[in-house]
Structure formats: structure tokens, C-alpha cells
C-alpha atoms as a PDB file:
ATOM      1  CA  MET A   1      11.755   3.656   4.725  1.00  0.00           C
ATOM      2  CA  ASP A   2      15.152   3.654   6.417  1.00  0.00           C
ATOM      3  CA  LEU A   3      13.670   1.692   9.311  1.00  0.00           C
ATOM      4  CA  PHE A   4      12.386  -0.898   6.838  1.00  0.00           C
ATOM      5  CA  SER A   5      15.946  -1.448   5.621  1.00  0.00           C
ATOM      6  CA  ARG A   6      17.393  -1.585   9.122  1.00  0.00           C
ATOM      7  CA  SER A   7      14.818  -4.040  10.435  1.00  0.00           C
ATOM      8  CA  TRP A   8      14.998  -6.263   7.350  1.00  0.00           C
ATOM      9  CA  THR A   9      18.802  -6.303   7.292  1.00  0.00           C
ATOM     10  CA  ALA A  10      18.925  -7.206  10.989  1.00  0.00           C
ATOM     11  CA  LEU A  11      16.406 -10.018  10.536  1.00  0.00           C
ATOM     12  CA  ARG A  12      18.175 -11.462   7.486  1.00  0.00           C
ATOM     13  CA  THR A  13      21.488 -11.305   9.348  1.00  0.00           C
ATOM     14  CA  ALA A  14      19.948 -13.167  12.279  1.00  0.00           C
ATOM     15  CA  VAL A  15      18.793 -15.915   9.907  1.00  0.00           C
ATOM     16  CA  ALA A  16      22.207 -16.095   8.215  1.00  0.00           C
ATOM     17  CA  ASP A  17      23.853 -16.577  11.627  1.00  0.00           C
ATOM     18  CA  LEU A  18      21.662 -19.558  12.570  1.00  0.00           C
ATOM     19  CA  GLU A  19      23.271 -22.956  13.057  1.00  0.00           C
ATOM     20  CA  ASP A  20      21.688 -25.913  11.262  1.00  0.00           C
ATOM     21  CA  GLN A  21      20.341 -27.356  14.514  1.00  0.00           C
ATOM     22  CA  ASP A  22      18.613 -24.057  15.328  1.00  0.00           C
ATOM     23  CA  PHE A  23      16.111 -24.599  12.525  1.00  0.00           C
ATOM     24  CA  GLN A  24      14.485 -27.384  14.544  1.00  0.00           C
ATOM     25  CA  LEU A  25      13.896 -25.201  17.588  1.00  0.00           C
ATOM     26  CA  PRO A  26      10.458 -23.717  18.240  1.00  0.00           C
ATOM     27  CA  SER A  27       9.930 -20.132  17.168  1.00  0.00           C
ATOM     28  CA  GLY A  28       7.783 -17.528  18.855  1.00  0.00           C
ATOM     29  CA  CYS A  29       4.990 -18.256  16.352  1.00  0.00           C
ATOM     30  CA  THR A  30       2.466 -20.788  17.636  1.00  0.00           C
ATOM     31  CA  GLY A  31       2.913 -24.133  15.866  1.00  0.00           C
ATOM     32  CA  TRP A  32       6.010 -23.123  13.885  1.00  0.00           C
ATOM     33  CA  LEU A  33       9.613 -24.190  14.184  1.00  0.00           C
ATOM     34  CA  ILE A  34      12.301 -21.699  13.208  1.00  0.00           C
ATOM     35  CA  ARG A  35      12.524 -23.376   9.784  1.00  0.00           C
ATOM     36  CA  ASP A  36       8.804 -22.670   9.258  1.00  0.00           C
ATOM     37  CA  LEU A  37       9.254 -19.031  10.222  1.00  0.00           C
ATOM     38  CA  VAL A  38      12.144 -18.644   7.767  1.00  0.00           C
ATOM     39  CA  CYS A  39       9.958 -20.142   5.026  1.00  0.00           C
ATOM     40  CA  HIS A  40       7.295 -17.560   5.914  1.00  0.00           C
ATOM     41  CA  LEU A  41       9.904 -14.800   5.577  1.00  0.00           C
ATOM     42  CA  ILE A  42      10.652 -16.003   2.044  1.00  0.00           C
ATOM     43  CA  ILE A  43       6.979 -15.607   1.176  1.00  0.00           C
ATOM     44  CA  ASP A  44       6.957 -12.193   2.856  1.00  0.00           C
ATOM     45  CA  ALA A  45       9.887 -11.116   0.681  1.00  0.00           C
ATOM     46  CA  GLN A  46       7.962 -12.249  -2.394  1.00  0.00           C
ATOM     47  CA  ASP A  47       4.950 -10.231  -1.235  1.00  0.00           C
ATOM     48  CA  VAL A  48       7.090  -7.110  -0.868  1.00  0.00           C
ATOM     49  CA  LEU A  49       8.434  -7.520  -4.406  1.00  0.00           C
ATOM     50  CA  ILE A  50       4.967  -8.119  -5.838  1.00  0.00           C
ATOM     51  CA  THR A  51       3.433  -5.160  -4.002  1.00  0.00           C
ATOM     52  CA  LEU A  52       6.173  -2.707  -4.986  1.00  0.00           C
ATOM     53  CA  VAL A  53       5.469  -3.420  -8.659  1.00  0.00           C
ATOM     54  CA  THR A  54       1.687  -3.156  -8.262  1.00  0.00           C
ATOM     55  CA  PRO A  55       1.098   0.607  -8.500  1.00  0.00           C
ATOM     56  CA  THR A  56      -2.306   2.265  -8.579  1.00  0.00           C
ATOM     57  CA  GLU A  57      -3.762   5.734  -9.000  1.00  0.00           C
ATOM     58  CA  ALA A  58      -6.467   5.054  -6.396  1.00  0.00           C
ATOM     59  CA  GLU A  59      -6.624   7.016  -3.165  1.00  0.00           C
ATOM     60  CA  PRO A  60      -5.018   5.367  -0.107  1.00  0.00           C
ATOM     61  CA  THR A  61      -7.389   3.399   2.090  1.00  0.00           C
ATOM     62  CA  ARG A  62      -4.882   2.414   4.798  1.00  0.00           C
ATOM     63  CA  ASP A  63      -1.681   3.708   6.350  1.00  0.00           C
ATOM     64  CA  ALA A  64       1.184   2.096   8.269  1.00  0.00           C
ATOM     65  CA  VAL A  65      -1.002   1.736  11.381  1.00  0.00           C
ATOM     66  CA  THR A  66      -4.423   0.918   9.921  1.00  0.00           C
ATOM     67  CA  TYR A  67      -2.792  -1.679   7.660  1.00  0.00           C
ATOM     68  CA  TRP A  68      -2.945  -3.933  10.713  1.00  0.00           C
ATOM     69  CA  ASN A  69      -6.094  -5.652  11.953  1.00  0.00           C
ATOM     70  CA  VAL A  70      -6.524  -7.061  15.442  1.00  0.00           C
ATOM     71  CA  VAL A  71      -7.369 -10.744  14.987  1.00  0.00           C
ATOM     72  CA  GLU A  72      -7.890 -13.812  17.112  1.00  0.00           C
ATOM     73  CA  PRO A  73      -4.611 -15.165  18.538  1.00  0.00           C
ATOM     74  CA  PRO A  74      -3.167 -17.869  16.263  1.00  0.00           C
ATOM     75  CA  THR A  75      -3.649 -21.486  17.240  1.00  0.00           C
ATOM     76  CA  GLY A  76      -1.407 -23.124  14.653  1.00  0.00           C
ATOM     77  CA  ASP A  77      -4.412 -24.815  13.012  1.00  0.00           C
ATOM     78  CA  ASP A  78      -4.915 -22.321  10.183  1.00  0.00           C
ATOM     79  CA  PRO A  79      -4.628 -24.030   6.742  1.00  0.00           C
ATOM     80  CA  LEU A  80      -2.114 -21.438   5.538  1.00  0.00           C
ATOM     81  CA  ASP A  81       0.027 -22.017   8.624  1.00  0.00           C
ATOM     82  CA  ALA A  82      -0.054 -25.749   7.902  1.00  0.00           C
ATOM     83  CA  LEU A  83       0.954 -25.106   4.287  1.00  0.00           C
ATOM     84  CA  ILE A  84       4.006 -23.152   5.480  1.00  0.00           C
ATOM     85  CA  VAL A  85       5.068 -26.146   7.581  1.00  0.00           C
ATOM     86  CA  ARG A  86       4.856 -28.449   4.552  1.00  0.00           C
ATOM     87  CA  LEU A  87       6.728 -26.005   2.337  1.00  0.00           C
ATOM     88  CA  ALA A  88       9.483 -25.590   4.911  1.00  0.00           C
ATOM     89  CA  ALA A  89       9.902 -29.366   5.248  1.00  0.00           C
ATOM     90  CA  ALA A  90      10.309 -29.651   1.466  1.00  0.00           C
ATOM     91  CA  TYR A  91      13.553 -27.661   1.613  1.00  0.00           C
ATOM     92  CA  GLN A  92      15.064 -30.612   3.530  1.00  0.00           C
ATOM     93  CA  HIS A  93      18.263 -28.727   4.413  1.00  0.00           C
ATOM     94  CA  PRO A  94      18.545 -25.414   6.277  1.00  0.00           C
ATOM     95  CA  GLU A  95      21.126 -24.084   3.831  1.00  0.00           C
ATOM     96  CA  LEU A  96      18.538 -24.121   1.049  1.00  0.00           C
ATOM     97  CA  LEU A  97      16.206 -21.973   3.151  1.00  0.00           C
ATOM     98  CA  LYS A  98      19.060 -19.579   3.882  1.00  0.00           C
ATOM     99  CA  LEU A  99      20.013 -19.280   0.211  1.00  0.00           C
ATOM    100  CA  HIS A 100      16.444 -18.689  -0.948  1.00  0.00           C
ATOM    101  CA  LEU A 101      15.863 -16.016   1.708  1.00  0.00           C
ATOM    102  CA  ASP A 102      19.206 -14.406   0.894  1.00  0.00           C
ATOM    103  CA  ASP A 103      18.308 -14.126  -2.808  1.00  0.00           C
ATOM    104  CA  LEU A 104      14.735 -12.916  -2.410  1.00  0.00           C
ATOM    105  CA  GLY A 105      15.464 -10.891   0.695  1.00  0.00           C
ATOM    106  CA  ALA A 106      18.274  -8.961  -0.956  1.00  0.00           C
ATOM    107  CA  ALA A 107      16.033  -8.249  -3.957  1.00  0.00           C
ATOM    108  CA  ALA A 108      13.208  -7.038  -1.720  1.00  0.00           C
ATOM    109  CA  GLY A 109      15.633  -4.839   0.182  1.00  0.00           C
ATOM    110  CA  ARG A 110      16.983  -3.259  -3.007  1.00  0.00           C
ATOM    111  CA  ALA A 111      13.482  -2.731  -4.376  1.00  0.00           C
ATOM    112  CA  ALA A 112      12.505  -0.902  -1.181  1.00  0.00           C
ATOM    113  CA  VAL A 113      15.510   1.413  -1.397  1.00  0.00           C
ATOM    114  CA  LEU A 114      14.747   2.245  -5.035  1.00  0.00           C
ATOM    115  CA  ALA A 115      10.994   2.732  -4.523  1.00  0.00           C
ATOM    116  CA  ASN A 116       9.329   6.145  -4.691  1.00  0.00           C
ATOM    117  CA  PRO A 117       7.817   6.712  -1.220  1.00  0.00           C
ATOM    118  CA  ASP A 118       4.875   8.623  -2.681  1.00  0.00           C
ATOM    119  CA  THR A 119       3.828   5.936  -5.164  1.00  0.00           C
ATOM    120  CA  ARG A 120       0.583   4.196  -4.247  1.00  0.00           C
ATOM    121  CA  VAL A 121       0.528   0.414  -4.213  1.00  0.00           C
ATOM    122  CA  THR A 122      -2.109  -2.252  -3.679  1.00  0.00           C
ATOM    123  CA  THR A 123      -2.025  -5.295  -1.438  1.00  0.00           C
ATOM    124  CA  GLN A 124      -4.794  -7.361   0.191  1.00  0.00           C
ATOM    125  CA  ASP A 125      -7.350  -5.046  -1.449  1.00  0.00           C
ATOM    126  CA  TYR A 126      -5.807  -2.077   0.400  1.00  0.00           C
ATOM    127  CA  VAL A 127      -4.210   0.984  -1.157  1.00  0.00           C
ATOM    128  CA  LEU A 128      -1.227   2.551   0.615  1.00  0.00           C
ATOM    129  CA  THR A 129       1.634   4.829  -0.233  1.00  0.00           C
ATOM    130  CA  THR A 130       4.880   2.939  -0.609  1.00  0.00           C
ATOM    131  CA  ALA A 131       6.212   4.706   2.480  1.00  0.00           C
ATOM    132  CA  ASP A 132       3.251   3.508   4.573  1.00  0.00           C
ATOM    133  CA  TYR A 133       3.441  -0.005   3.157  1.00  0.00           C
ATOM    134  CA  LEU A 134       7.128  -0.322   4.010  1.00  0.00           C
ATOM    135  CA  GLY A 135       6.463   1.351   7.363  1.00  0.00           C
ATOM    136  CA  ALA A 136       3.925  -1.333   8.193  1.00  0.00           C
ATOM    137  CA  TYR A 137       6.541  -3.967   7.483  1.00  0.00           C
ATOM    138  CA  VAL A 138       8.800  -2.568  10.197  1.00  0.00           C
ATOM    139  CA  MET A 139       6.291  -4.113  12.598  1.00  0.00           C
ATOM    140  CA  GLU A 140       6.326  -7.392  10.644  1.00  0.00           C
ATOM    141  CA  TRP A 141      10.096  -7.676  10.604  1.00  0.00           C
ATOM    142  CA  THR A 142      10.521  -6.615  14.222  1.00  0.00           C
ATOM    143  CA  LEU A 143       7.958  -9.054  15.588  1.00  0.00           C
ATOM    144  CA  HIS A 144       9.331 -11.906  13.494  1.00  0.00           C
ATOM    145  CA  HIS A 145      12.856 -11.088  14.620  1.00  0.00           C
ATOM    146  CA  LEU A 146      11.608 -11.546  18.180  1.00  0.00           C
ATOM    147  CA  ASP A 147       9.914 -14.795  17.096  1.00  0.00           C
ATOM    148  CA  LEU A 148      13.134 -16.016  15.516  1.00  0.00           C
ATOM    149  CA  ILE A 149      15.212 -15.524  18.669  1.00  0.00           C
ATOM    150  CA  ALA A 150      12.538 -16.586  21.163  1.00  0.00           C
ATOM    151  CA  HIS A 151      14.575 -19.671  22.133  1.00  0.00           C
ATOM    152  CA  LEU A 152      18.017 -18.350  21.183  1.00  0.00           C
ATOM    153  CA  PRO A 153      19.093 -16.405  24.279  1.00  0.00           C
ATOM    154  CA  ASP A 154      22.462 -15.377  22.838  1.00  0.00           C
ATOM    155  CA  ALA A 155      21.073 -13.987  19.572  1.00  0.00           C
ATOM    156  CA  PRO A 156      20.935 -10.190  19.184  1.00  0.00           C
ATOM    157  CA  ASP A 157      17.644  -8.338  19.530  1.00  0.00           C
ATOM    158  CA  PRO A 158      16.161  -6.243  16.723  1.00  0.00           C
ATOM    159  CA  PRO A 159      17.644  -2.729  16.429  1.00  0.00           C
ATOM    160  CA  ALA A 160      16.543  -0.418  19.229  1.00  0.00           C
ATOM    161  CA  GLU A 161      15.065   2.123  16.823  1.00  0.00           C
ATOM    162  CA  THR A 162      12.859  -0.485  15.133  1.00  0.00           C
ATOM    163  CA  LEU A 163      11.692  -1.830  18.486  1.00  0.00           C
ATOM    164  CA  SER A 164      10.743   1.714  19.467  1.00  0.00           C
ATOM    165  CA  HIS A 165       8.928   2.333  16.182  1.00  0.00           C
ATOM    166  CA  ALA A 166       7.019  -0.952  16.445  1.00  0.00           C
ATOM    167  CA  ARG A 167       6.013  -0.114  20.015  1.00  0.00           C
ATOM    168  CA  GLU A 168       4.683   3.281  18.891  1.00  0.00           C
ATOM    169  CA  THR A 169       2.654   1.561  16.176  1.00  0.00           C
ATOM    170  CA  LEU A 170       1.245  -0.963  18.632  1.00  0.00           C
ATOM    171  CA  GLU A 171       0.291   1.812  21.066  1.00  0.00           C
ATOM    172  CA  LYS A 172      -1.616   3.578  18.285  1.00  0.00           C
ATOM    173  CA  ILE A 173      -3.420   0.326  17.506  1.00  0.00           C
ATOM    174  CA  ALA A 174      -4.164  -0.200  21.200  1.00  0.00           C
ATOM    175  CA  GLY A 175      -5.270   3.399  21.655  1.00  0.00           C
ATOM    176  CA  ALA A 176      -3.154   3.722  24.793  1.00  0.00           C
ATOM    177  CA  PRO A 177       0.532   3.772  25.768  1.00  0.00           C
ATOM    178  CA  PHE A 178       2.251   0.912  27.542  1.00  0.00           C
ATOM    179  CA  PRO A 179       3.858   1.847  30.873  1.00  0.00           C
ATOM    180  CA  ALA A 180       7.285   3.433  30.491  1.00  0.00           C
ATOM    181  CA  SER A 181       8.639   0.876  32.977  1.00  0.00           C
ATOM    182  CA  ILE A 182       8.018  -1.891  30.404  1.00  0.00           C
ATOM    183  CA  SER A 183      10.742  -2.079  27.746  1.00  0.00           C
ATOM    184  CA  ASP A 184       9.954  -1.800  24.047  1.00  0.00           C
ATOM    185  CA  LYS A 185      10.731  -5.486  23.558  1.00  0.00           C
ATOM    186  CA  ASP A 186       8.518  -6.600  26.435  1.00  0.00           C
ATOM    187  CA  ALA A 187       5.709  -4.243  25.387  1.00  0.00           C
ATOM    188  CA  LEU A 188       5.679  -5.923  21.972  1.00  0.00           C
ATOM    189  CA  LEU A 189       5.843  -9.445  23.366  1.00  0.00           C
ATOM    190  CA  ILE A 190       3.114  -8.822  25.939  1.00  0.00           C
ATOM    191  CA  GLY A 191       1.008  -6.590  23.737  1.00  0.00           C
ATOM    192  CA  THR A 192       0.815  -9.060  20.861  1.00  0.00           C
ATOM    193  CA  GLY A 193       0.267 -12.093  23.087  1.00  0.00           C
ATOM    194  CA  ARG A 194       3.700 -13.613  22.632  1.00  0.00           C
ATOM    195  CA  ARG A 195       4.046 -13.900  26.379  1.00  0.00           C
ATOM    196  CA  LEU A 196       1.874 -13.230  29.396  1.00  0.00           C
ATOM    197  CA  PRO A 197       2.633 -10.286  31.663  1.00  0.00           C
ATOM    198  CA  THR A 198       4.103 -10.992  35.064  1.00  0.00           C
ATOM    199  CA  ASP A 199       1.995 -10.032  38.069  1.00  0.00           C
ATOM    200  CA  PRO A 200       3.834  -6.703  38.525  1.00  0.00           C
ATOM    201  CA  GLU A 201       3.523  -5.967  34.786  1.00  0.00           C
ATOM    202  CA  HIS A 202      -0.187  -6.798  34.891  1.00  0.00           C
ATOM    203  CA  THR A 203      -0.648  -4.301  37.712  1.00  0.00           C
ATOM    204  CA  GLU A 204       1.299  -1.607  35.843  1.00  0.00           C
ATOM    205  CA  LEU A 205      -0.744  -2.170  32.689  1.00  0.00           C
ATOM    206  CA  GLY A 206      -3.939  -1.287  34.515  1.00  0.00           C
ATOM    207  CA  ASP A 207      -7.010  -1.166  32.265  1.00  0.00           C
ATOM    208  CA  LEU A 208      -4.882  -1.962  29.227  1.00  0.00           C
ATOM    209  CA  ALA A 209      -4.350  -5.471  30.618  1.00  0.00           C
ATOM    210  CA  THR A 210      -8.042  -6.256  30.055  1.00  0.00           C
ATOM    211  CA  LYS A 211      -7.694  -5.558  26.325  1.00  0.00           C
ATOM    212  CA  LEU A 212      -4.739  -7.854  25.695  1.00  0.00           C
ATOM    213  CA  PRO A 213      -3.612  -9.369  23.450  1.00  0.00           C
ATOM    214  CA  PHE A 214      -3.547  -7.318  20.264  1.00  0.00           C
ATOM    215  CA  ALA A 215      -2.784 -10.146  17.848  1.00  0.00           C
ATOM    216  CA  LEU A 216      -2.040  -8.559  14.480  1.00  0.00           C
ATOM    217  CA  GLY A 217      -2.947  -9.845  11.069  1.00  0.00           C
END
């Protein structure tokens, strides 16, 4: 749960540090500008708040790893993706996006700190412990932090410990480790299809290269 707070705080700080013109740059998410990604983060924060107040007595059906499904790589044509673009445009000014994320994001962060890790919650017809649910979101925040800074070379990376945790999760999903010579950041970018491996990386990946990408949804 501590990693949830660290990854979420780092991502919200990265958004707060954006310049107005940055919101019109492409993000690492296919078809989305940075403003669209920030709008998505607002909806994510709402989802966290909703889920943390949706307890259940049912037995868990997923954990922090099995929460994720490997899906087809996004094309940008999904109706929900298109809705996010329209919602983001409605804000008209980047400062409004920042303020809304700051309000909801802070609330989601506080709710996570106060939550009982053993409580079971429901989301997307899954049942998880709160600890596993928040653990799954470390992957969400870390990947979206990388998406946010994809075209901002001077922006700070996600915290090293959250990159490492997200890599471990991805390796469990993949059923195999990524080569130690590939950094945590690059393993996540390559592994989830956010960039293609270079020729040397492709060679180092070996059989794992044939299974890429592991697009998560």
C-alpha cells in the first residue's frame, strides 16, 4: 500500500509540474494527448474512491497480478477512448484539469492510506483485498507516469521502487523474467508494447520476444 502512495504522489506531482503547452503534446497512450491522459487519471481517481467504499464479504477472485488481463494493443478507436478525448477537450484550460485531478487525487490518496488492507472490495465484477487492489494500481500509475513523460525528456521518471515492483508484476504476467541487462523502465515500455525492442534487446529477449507485447487491460 505504501507503493500505491509513492507511485500516485509521483504521478500527481508530474502532472502539477506540467506547463500549459505540454497538455497538447502526445502521450505514450495511442491516440491520446497528455490532456486526455490527465482526464483519464481523474476517472481513475474516481474509480479508486468508488471501489474503496464498495466492500464485500465474498471470497477474493483476483489478486494484484491476476487483476490484469492481456488484451489486444490499443488502436485509439475504442469508444471509451474517444469519450475521454471529448471530456478532456471540454475542460478547455489545462488548469481546470490540474485542479480537478488535485482534488480527486488527494482524496483517493487519503482514502488509500486510511483503508484496511484486509477488507475485500469489488470492481469490474472482481473481488480483491484492498491491499491487492491498491497493489494492482501501482502498475497503473507507473505505466501512466511513463506515458505522461513519453515526450518530456526532462521530466523525472517514476520512483525506482515502483518501477521495480511493476516490472516484477509484468514478469509474473508474462511467466518469464526480462533480461537483467534491460532496465526496469525499458522492460515495462517494451513488455507492454509502448516501444519496440532494439535489435540487441530483441536478441537478449530470446523466446520472450515472440510473446510481446503484453498489453494490459
